[in-house]
Amino acid sequence: MLKQWNKHVGKINFKWLSITILVYGALLRLLVYFQNRSLFIDEANLARNYIEKTLLALWQPLSYEQYAPPIFSSIQKICWWVFGNQEFSLRLFPLVSGLLALFLFYKLCRYFLPLKIAVYPLALFAVSETFIRYSTEIKQYSTDMMLTLVLLLLALHIAPSKLLGKTKTGYWLLWAIVGAVAVWFSMPSIFVLAAIGAYYGLSFIQQKNSKALLPLVFTGAIWLISFGLYYFQILAADIGSDYLQKAHEGNFLPFPPLSMADLKTTQNILHQIIRTTIGVTALAIVWGIICWLLGMYQLIKTQQLKSLLILLPIVFCWAASAMHQYSLMPRLSLFYIPLLMLLIGVGANWLLAKSKVPLKILWLALMLISVGGAKSYQYLYKPYQLEELKPILTQLSALPPSNYDFIHIHHEAVPSFRYYVELSDYAMQFPLKKYHYTKWNNHQKSLKEKLATQQGPTKVWLLFSHTPPRQVAALLPAFNKMGKQLKAIESKRASAYLYVFE
């Protein structure tokens, strides 16, 4: 039976299979990009920064409770200049980063896995809904992931022995420049650089080469100085803001976990991370955890030095989270999720190598189930949607001004509405006095104040976006007591309701 297994496996052209997976992953990202979904609240607020601020101002803390590294923001500003003020322009660089990350992850897998197993974590990466989303969104997370892979591949290419050879000065200079720039490009790159420093340092210690530690310390000092400037220039204000602390509450790792609440928070964080990595079904999660633990053990056992490059970025990130300096929200953990996928691949490789044919078939089935569970294939024939405000605005903008007195815009819909109505090159036309913005958590009170200035029956469109449907449904009864609903327009996490108020 083992011979038959090897015979059938040998017939598979894994090189072409890996190319197929790469092409499929790229196709999914391109399709979702060209579907051109509506901006959601954070995208719209970040876009407003790029439109309203100068290039120099992007090297200061951003407005509208947004954070993005300055080099990323500068590239976004340049895309806005070159390609115009539209979603395609502002999503272009994240798309390029996401496409590059596909190929870079394949190269990383080949350092640690045989080709016939490397296709498994590569497939997880290619079909991940989270990776597809952030490769087509005006946020920095796909760039974080791409730069992480670049730094790790560079460290694997520049082996410790090259830093001891005749061309060592050039390599050290390269690392000094790359690391100093990287922290302004991607904040979590500091965790990766710390892991790379540990990788080189331990190698030199094992070789008892204390002289090699001096340029490493000097290079590390340059990285720290650059990061320190970045921290005090931008990060300190962002991290210390009450808004961000509240927004990320529950996503900081409790350490040590001293209560049941701490244990629950830890469980929720780990559950989110593993779901993002392997899938949402219980079977996929159990399979992923088993392979993850096996992969860590095998990597440490067989490739102790190189395992530092894969494990330490995660360890350093979690340590920062325990100090309330870094949130472990899935999108902020995106930069190291590929490393978890790689570890799962290492664990699956060990299971396949140590198992007989019946178990090999079972492991293969679990691998296929975990890949198929992503269901990203559906984006081949249906659009990926988060909150579709544009279709509603299109309908409202086509109405004659006499159809309503004003549009009352829920606070969470304000950023996207302002982008599409006031800022975009393809702005939708509404009479200036026909829309009314509400303040945060002041929707009903603000409406009453506005209605007090009107005379006679008043027709008002109530506009919602980013607000969960259940929350909207909970708000409507209060408006039903104030007036009568005449019409409703609804789409994905966005809606508009026409009311008449006496």
Foldseek 3Di string as FASTA:
>chain_A
DVVVVCVVLVVDPLVVVLVVLLVLLLVLLVLQQVVQFFAALQLLQLLCQLQPDDLVCLLFATPPLHDAFSVLSNCLNVLCVPVHFGLSSLLVVLLVLLSLLLVLLLVVLVVPDDSSLSSLLSLLSSLQPLSSVRSNTNGCLSVLQSVLSVLLVLLVVCDLVVCVDPCVVVVLVVLLVSLLVVCSRHVLVVQLVVLSLVLNVVVCVVVVNVVSVVSSVVSVVSNVVSNVCSCVRYVVVSLPDPVVCVVQPLQQQAPPQDDPVNVVSNVVLVLQLLCSQFHDDPLRSVLLVQLLVQLLVVCCVPPVSSSSSLPRSVVVQNVCSNVSSAGSHPSSCSNNSSSSSSSSSSSLVVQCVPDDDVVVVVSVVSSVCRSVNSVSVCSVPDHDHAKHPVVVLVVVLPDDCVVFQAEEEAQSCVSSLCCQAPNGPNHRDDPPRRYDYDDHPCRVVVVVVVVVVDDDKGKYKYKWAPDDPVVVVVPVVVVVVQFPWDDKDDDRRIIITITIGD
